Amino acid sequence: MDYQAVHNYSHLHHPYAAVAGAGAGVSIDSGGGDRLPQWSIQETQDFLIIRAELDPTFMETKRNKLLWELVSTRMKEKGYNRNPGQCKCKWKNLVSRYKV
């Protein structure tokens, strides 16, 4: 399944998809107040490229805190503001959602 198909599938099956419709200009207030901005398609693609480049290193080590810091730094170099915890969480979510 290619990235665009995965992205389209995730939007169709997102719990807020029925509420937000096409999502153009629609924001959903969950009441949390400190919810982070959603990852854009381009941001997710750049994240996956960065993560893929580091995959051999991730496979070699169990303790990967420094690697997530490196992913975060590389995301910042591309203009995104994601901390290591957000990057790790995004990865875990993608793996669990699209695991075959």
C-alpha atoms as a PDB file:
ATOM      1  CA  MET A   1       0.000   0.000   0.000  1.00  0.00           C
ATOM      2  CA  ASP A   2       1.545   3.350  -0.973  1.00  0.00           C
ATOM      3  CA  TYR A   3       1.732   6.365   1.334  1.00  0.00           C
ATOM      4  CA  GLN A   4      -1.190   8.254  -0.266  1.00  0.00           C
ATOM      5  CA  ALA A   5      -3.454   5.207   0.051  1.00  0.00           C
ATOM      6  CA  VAL A   6      -2.439   4.796   3.694  1.00  0.00           C
ATOM      7  CA  HIS A   7      -3.082   8.480   4.343  1.00  0.00           C
ATOM      8  CA  ASN A   8      -6.481   8.377   2.640  1.00  0.00           C
ATOM      9  CA  TYR A   9      -7.413   5.241   4.570  1.00  0.00           C
ATOM     10  CA  SER A  10      -6.432   6.835   7.866  1.00  0.00           C
ATOM     11  CA  HIS A  11      -8.560   9.886   7.172  1.00  0.00           C
ATOM     12  CA  LEU A  12     -11.553   7.795   6.207  1.00  0.00           C
ATOM     13  CA  HIS A  13     -11.244   5.739   9.374  1.00  0.00           C
ATOM     14  CA  HIS A  14     -10.246   8.513  11.758  1.00  0.00           C
ATOM     15  CA  PRO A  15     -12.714   8.826  14.662  1.00  0.00           C
ATOM     16  CA  TYR A  16     -13.401  12.493  13.813  1.00  0.00           C
ATOM     17  CA  ALA A  17     -13.789  11.969  10.053  1.00  0.00           C
ATOM     18  CA  ALA A  18     -17.579  11.894  10.230  1.00  0.00           C
ATOM     19  CA  VAL A  19     -17.639  15.021  12.387  1.00  0.00           C
ATOM     20  CA  ALA A  20     -15.119  17.053  10.438  1.00  0.00           C
ATOM     21  CA  GLY A  21     -16.261  16.077   6.958  1.00  0.00           C
ATOM     22  CA  ALA A  22     -13.646  17.100   4.445  1.00  0.00           C
ATOM     23  CA  GLY A  23     -11.853  18.957   7.197  1.00  0.00           C
ATOM     24  CA  ALA A  24     -11.414  22.225   5.306  1.00  0.00           C
ATOM     25  CA  GLY A  25     -11.022  24.822   7.993  1.00  0.00           C
ATOM     26  CA  VAL A  26     -12.712  22.653  10.595  1.00  0.00           C
ATOM     27  CA  SER A  27     -11.129  22.354  14.001  1.00  0.00           C
ATOM     28  CA  ILE A  28     -12.296  20.094  16.745  1.00  0.00           C
ATOM     29  CA  ASP A  29     -11.944  21.280  20.317  1.00  0.00           C
ATOM     30  CA  SER A  30     -11.473  18.280  22.547  1.00  0.00           C
ATOM     31  CA  GLY A  31     -11.428  20.502  25.603  1.00  0.00           C
ATOM     32  CA  GLY A  32      -7.806  19.623  26.339  1.00  0.00           C
ATOM     33  CA  GLY A  33      -6.509  23.016  25.301  1.00  0.00           C
ATOM     34  CA  ASP A  34      -2.916  21.808  24.891  1.00  0.00           C
ATOM     35  CA  ARG A  35      -3.404  19.451  21.966  1.00  0.00           C
ATOM     36  CA  LEU A  36      -0.575  19.607  19.476  1.00  0.00           C
ATOM     37  CA  PRO A  37      -1.048  20.417  15.805  1.00  0.00           C
ATOM     38  CA  GLN A  38      -1.804  17.483  13.558  1.00  0.00           C
ATOM     39  CA  TRP A  39       1.017  16.127  11.413  1.00  0.00           C
ATOM     40  CA  SER A  40       0.722  17.209   7.774  1.00  0.00           C
ATOM     41  CA  ILE A  41       1.199  14.762   4.918  1.00  0.00           C
ATOM     42  CA  GLN A  42       4.534  16.373   4.025  1.00  0.00           C
ATOM     43  CA  GLU A  43       5.699  16.351   7.641  1.00  0.00           C
ATOM     44  CA  THR A  44       4.841  12.651   7.953  1.00  0.00           C
ATOM     45  CA  GLN A  45       6.644  11.860   4.696  1.00  0.00           C
ATOM     46  CA  ASP A  46       9.752  13.737   5.845  1.00  0.00           C
ATOM     47  CA  PHE A  47       9.548  11.998   9.223  1.00  0.00           C
ATOM     48  CA  LEU A  48       9.371   8.576   7.558  1.00  0.00           C
ATOM     49  CA  ILE A  49      12.386   9.376   5.375  1.00  0.00           C
ATOM     50  CA  ILE A  50      14.414  10.448   8.413  1.00  0.00           C
ATOM     51  CA  ARG A  51      13.324   7.400  10.404  1.00  0.00           C
ATOM     52  CA  ALA A  52      14.117   5.074   7.483  1.00  0.00           C
ATOM     53  CA  GLU A  53      17.634   6.525   7.185  1.00  0.00           C
ATOM     54  CA  LEU A  54      18.220   5.688  10.840  1.00  0.00           C
ATOM     55  CA  ASP A  55      16.469   2.307  10.811  1.00  0.00           C
ATOM     56  CA  PRO A  56      19.655   0.189  10.864  1.00  0.00           C
ATOM     57  CA  THR A  57      20.796   2.046  13.981  1.00  0.00           C
ATOM     58  CA  PHE A  58      17.379   1.655  15.622  1.00  0.00           C
ATOM     59  CA  MET A  59      17.597  -2.093  14.952  1.00  0.00           C
ATOM     60  CA  GLU A  60      21.024  -2.334  16.621  1.00  0.00           C
ATOM     61  CA  THR A  61      20.110  -0.808  19.965  1.00  0.00           C
ATOM     62  CA  LYS A  62      17.417  -1.220  22.595  1.00  0.00           C
ATOM     63  CA  ARG A  63      18.014   2.184  24.170  1.00  0.00           C
ATOM     64  CA  ASN A  64      17.078   4.657  21.509  1.00  0.00           C
ATOM     65  CA  LYS A  65      16.440   7.901  23.399  1.00  0.00           C
ATOM     66  CA  LEU A  66      19.386   9.547  21.651  1.00  0.00           C
ATOM     67  CA  LEU A  67      18.126   8.353  18.280  1.00  0.00           C
ATOM     68  CA  TRP A  68      14.712   9.967  18.841  1.00  0.00           C
ATOM     69  CA  GLU A  69      16.562  13.152  19.793  1.00  0.00           C
ATOM     70  CA  LEU A  70      18.410  12.916  16.478  1.00  0.00           C
ATOM     71  CA  VAL A  71      15.123  12.396  14.600  1.00  0.00           C
ATOM     72  CA  SER A  72      13.705  15.462  16.365  1.00  0.00           C
ATOM     73  CA  THR A  73      16.788  17.521  15.469  1.00  0.00           C
ATOM     74  CA  ARG A  74      16.560  16.514  11.819  1.00  0.00           C
ATOM     75  CA  MET A  75      12.847  17.397  11.811  1.00  0.00           C
ATOM     76  CA  LYS A  76      13.760  20.839  13.216  1.00  0.00           C
ATOM     77  CA  GLU A  77      16.340  21.237  10.422  1.00  0.00           C
ATOM     78  CA  LYS A  78      13.468  20.745   7.984  1.00  0.00           C
ATOM     79  CA  GLY A  79      11.390  23.374   9.768  1.00  0.00           C
ATOM     80  CA  TYR A  80       9.156  21.179  11.929  1.00  0.00           C
ATOM     81  CA  ASN A  81       8.863  21.592  15.679  1.00  0.00           C
ATOM     82  CA  ARG A  82       8.547  18.058  17.063  1.00  0.00           C
ATOM     83  CA  ASN A  83      10.243  16.856  20.220  1.00  0.00           C
ATOM     84  CA  PRO A  84      11.703  13.342  20.625  1.00  0.00           C
ATOM     85  CA  GLY A  85       8.625  12.097  22.499  1.00  0.00           C
ATOM     86  CA  GLN A  86       6.294  13.249  19.729  1.00  0.00           C
ATOM     87  CA  CYS A  87       8.453  11.543  17.112  1.00  0.00           C
ATOM     88  CA  LYS A  88       8.514   8.283  19.066  1.00  0.00           C
ATOM     89  CA  CYS A  89       4.747   8.439  19.612  1.00  0.00           C
ATOM     90  CA  LYS A  90       4.139   9.120  15.897  1.00  0.00           C
ATOM     91  CA  TRP A  91       6.291   6.119  14.979  1.00  0.00           C
ATOM     92  CA  LYS A  92       4.484   3.813  17.405  1.00  0.00           C
ATOM     93  CA  ASN A  93       1.106   5.002  16.101  1.00  0.00           C
ATOM     94  CA  LEU A  94       2.104   4.444  12.467  1.00  0.00           C
ATOM     95  CA  VAL A  95       3.516   0.989  13.208  1.00  0.00           C
ATOM     96  CA  SER A  96       0.437  -0.124  15.132  1.00  0.00           C
ATOM     97  CA  ARG A  97      -1.991   1.332  12.594  1.00  0.00           C
ATOM     98  CA  TYR A  98      -0.378  -0.046   9.450  1.00  0.00           C
ATOM     99  CA  LYS A  99       1.198  -3.277  10.672  1.00  0.00           C
ATOM    100  CA  VAL A 100       0.401  -6.041   8.185  1.00  0.00           C
END
